Protein backbone atom coordinates (compact mmCIF):
# COMPACT_ATOMS: atom_id res chain seq x y z
CA UNK A 1 -58.59 -167.59 33.78
CA UNK A 2 -55.41 -165.75 33.33
CA UNK A 3 -54.36 -164.42 29.87
CA UNK A 4 -51.86 -166.52 27.80
CA UNK A 5 -48.56 -164.73 26.65
CA UNK A 6 -49.00 -163.10 23.46
CA UNK A 7 -45.54 -163.81 22.00
CA UNK A 8 -43.84 -160.84 19.44
CA UNK A 9 -45.98 -157.84 20.16
CA UNK A 10 -45.07 -154.44 20.60
CA UNK A 11 -46.84 -151.04 21.77
CA UNK A 12 -44.67 -148.40 20.56
CA UNK A 13 -41.05 -148.10 19.80
CA UNK A 14 -40.01 -151.89 21.03
CA UNK A 15 -40.54 -154.90 19.70
CA UNK A 16 -41.18 -157.09 23.21
CA UNK A 17 -40.90 -161.11 23.38
CA UNK A 18 -44.12 -162.35 25.45
CA UNK A 19 -43.10 -165.79 27.30
CA UNK A 20 -43.12 -167.95 30.16
CA UNK A 21 -40.02 -169.82 28.86
CA UNK A 22 -37.66 -166.65 28.57
CA UNK A 23 -35.52 -164.48 30.84
CA UNK A 24 -36.66 -161.11 30.40
CA UNK A 25 -34.59 -157.56 30.12
CA UNK A 26 -37.07 -154.63 30.62
CA UNK A 27 -36.57 -151.07 31.38
CA UNK A 28 -38.76 -148.63 33.39
CA UNK A 29 -38.32 -144.80 32.92
CA UNK A 30 -39.95 -141.86 34.45
CA UNK A 31 -42.09 -140.15 32.71
CA UNK A 32 -39.73 -136.76 31.73
CA UNK A 33 -37.06 -139.47 31.22
CA UNK A 34 -37.23 -139.34 27.90
CA UNK A 35 -39.62 -136.84 26.07
CA UNK A 36 -41.69 -138.43 23.43
CA UNK A 37 -40.79 -135.49 21.12
CA UNK A 38 -36.91 -136.70 20.86
CA UNK A 39 -37.77 -140.40 20.41
CA UNK A 40 -40.17 -139.37 16.82
CA UNK A 41 -37.15 -136.75 15.84
CA UNK A 42 -34.75 -140.42 16.52
CA UNK A 43 -37.33 -142.41 15.30
CA UNK A 44 -37.67 -140.33 11.43
CA UNK A 45 -33.75 -140.27 11.47
CA UNK A 46 -33.77 -143.80 11.22
CA UNK A 47 -36.33 -144.39 9.05
CA UNK A 48 -34.02 -145.06 5.93
CA UNK A 49 -32.29 -147.79 7.95
CA UNK A 50 -34.34 -151.77 8.10
CA UNK A 51 -36.44 -152.31 10.80
CA UNK A 52 -34.29 -154.48 12.84
CA UNK A 53 -31.39 -151.86 12.54
CA UNK A 54 -33.74 -149.31 13.58
CA UNK A 55 -34.87 -150.60 16.39
CA UNK A 56 -31.28 -151.32 17.82
CA UNK A 57 -30.32 -147.39 17.12
CA UNK A 58 -33.44 -145.92 18.79
CA UNK A 59 -32.78 -149.09 21.40
CA UNK A 60 -28.82 -147.96 21.70
CA UNK A 61 -29.83 -144.12 21.39
CA UNK A 62 -32.92 -144.24 24.61
CA UNK A 63 -30.31 -145.93 26.92
CA UNK A 64 -28.00 -143.73 26.68
CA UNK A 65 -29.96 -140.76 26.80
CA UNK A 66 -31.32 -142.20 29.94
CA UNK A 67 -28.51 -142.61 31.03
CA UNK A 68 -27.47 -138.94 31.55
CA UNK A 69 -30.40 -138.51 34.02
CA UNK A 70 -32.79 -136.08 32.20
CA UNK A 71 -35.59 -135.29 34.36
CA UNK A 72 -36.48 -134.61 38.12
CA UNK A 73 -35.15 -138.49 39.06
CA UNK A 74 -37.96 -139.15 41.77
CA UNK A 75 -35.92 -142.78 42.07
CA UNK A 76 -33.19 -140.39 43.56
CA UNK A 77 -34.86 -140.00 46.33
CA UNK A 78 -34.01 -143.07 49.14
CA UNK A 79 -38.22 -143.38 50.41
CA UNK A 80 -39.65 -143.93 46.61
CA UNK A 81 -36.27 -146.46 45.50
CA UNK A 82 -37.06 -148.72 48.46
CA UNK A 83 -40.93 -148.67 47.88
CA UNK A 84 -40.07 -150.13 44.20
CA UNK A 85 -37.50 -152.36 45.36
CA UNK A 86 -40.35 -153.98 47.93
CA UNK A 87 -42.68 -153.76 44.98
CA UNK A 88 -40.54 -155.97 43.03
CA UNK A 89 -39.91 -158.56 44.98
CA UNK A 90 -42.64 -158.58 46.43
CA UNK A 91 -44.27 -161.09 43.94
CA UNK A 92 -40.48 -162.40 43.61
CA UNK A 93 -41.55 -166.34 43.38
CA UNK A 94 -44.74 -165.64 42.11
CA UNK A 95 -45.74 -163.72 39.46
CA UNK A 96 -42.09 -164.01 38.05
CA UNK A 97 -38.78 -164.90 39.14
CA UNK A 98 -36.29 -161.74 39.83
CA UNK A 99 -32.84 -162.27 38.78
CA UNK A 100 -31.62 -158.98 38.78
CA UNK A 101 -32.37 -155.31 39.00
CA UNK A 102 -30.87 -151.98 39.40
CA UNK A 103 -32.78 -148.45 40.35
CA UNK A 104 -31.35 -145.69 38.91
CA UNK A 105 -32.09 -142.12 38.98
CA UNK A 106 -34.70 -141.74 36.39
CA UNK A 107 -35.06 -145.64 35.12
CA UNK A 108 -34.41 -149.23 36.41
CA UNK A 109 -33.74 -152.10 34.89
CA UNK A 110 -35.19 -155.83 35.62
CA UNK A 111 -34.14 -159.31 34.28
CA UNK A 112 -37.17 -161.55 35.26
CA UNK A 113 -38.89 -164.48 33.66
CA UNK A 114 -42.34 -165.28 34.35
CA UNK A 115 -44.02 -167.76 35.67
CA UNK A 116 -46.66 -170.25 34.23
CA UNK A 117 -49.98 -168.04 33.37
CA UNK A 118 -48.23 -164.45 33.82
CA UNK A 119 -48.50 -162.43 30.60
CA UNK A 120 -45.35 -160.13 30.65
CA UNK A 121 -47.94 -157.18 30.20
CA UNK A 122 -49.59 -158.14 33.44
CA UNK A 123 -46.51 -158.18 35.24
CA UNK A 124 -45.57 -154.49 34.05
CA UNK A 125 -49.06 -152.92 34.32
CA UNK A 126 -49.15 -154.65 37.79
CA UNK A 127 -45.24 -153.13 38.95
CA UNK A 128 -46.27 -150.10 37.18
CA UNK A 129 -49.40 -148.67 38.20
CA UNK A 130 -48.41 -149.81 41.60
CA UNK A 131 -45.26 -148.27 42.62
CA UNK A 132 -46.81 -144.72 40.26
CA UNK A 133 -49.39 -145.01 42.97
CA UNK A 134 -47.24 -145.40 45.86
CA UNK A 135 -44.27 -142.82 44.56
CA UNK A 136 -47.29 -140.22 43.75
CA UNK A 137 -48.72 -140.67 48.13
CA UNK A 138 -45.13 -140.09 49.01
CA UNK A 139 -44.29 -137.06 46.55
CA UNK A 140 -47.32 -135.31 47.70
CA UNK A 141 -47.00 -136.17 51.54
CA UNK A 142 -43.71 -134.03 50.29
CA UNK A 143 -43.78 -131.44 48.24
CA UNK A 144 -46.42 -129.16 50.01
């Protein structure tokens, strides 16, 4: 039996609403695109705000930071961006309905709606795990 959606929950700096009835806006970023010390510093700066205002401000800062294109930007490579796109499309209509997506040099944005009995957490884990393993194989063949 597949896990049921969780409702509101958080695994870090942003809350998520996991439900098959809601279109989800998801951002993934490469590990070096958004350094943890930067997020920690921003959290300290935003402690004076109430939780909702701090979350909104943090989200806006993260989006602006990612758009600057920091990091190695492996998603700029055609073969990696194409692999990510194929992975997103693979379970479209099966685990989720993919509405739209954009692949940036160091991050990607998705709009999707989970299908019945498919939690957002499982969908995100599956996409990230598969694409990371495939990207590492592609990069290992190109680095030497």
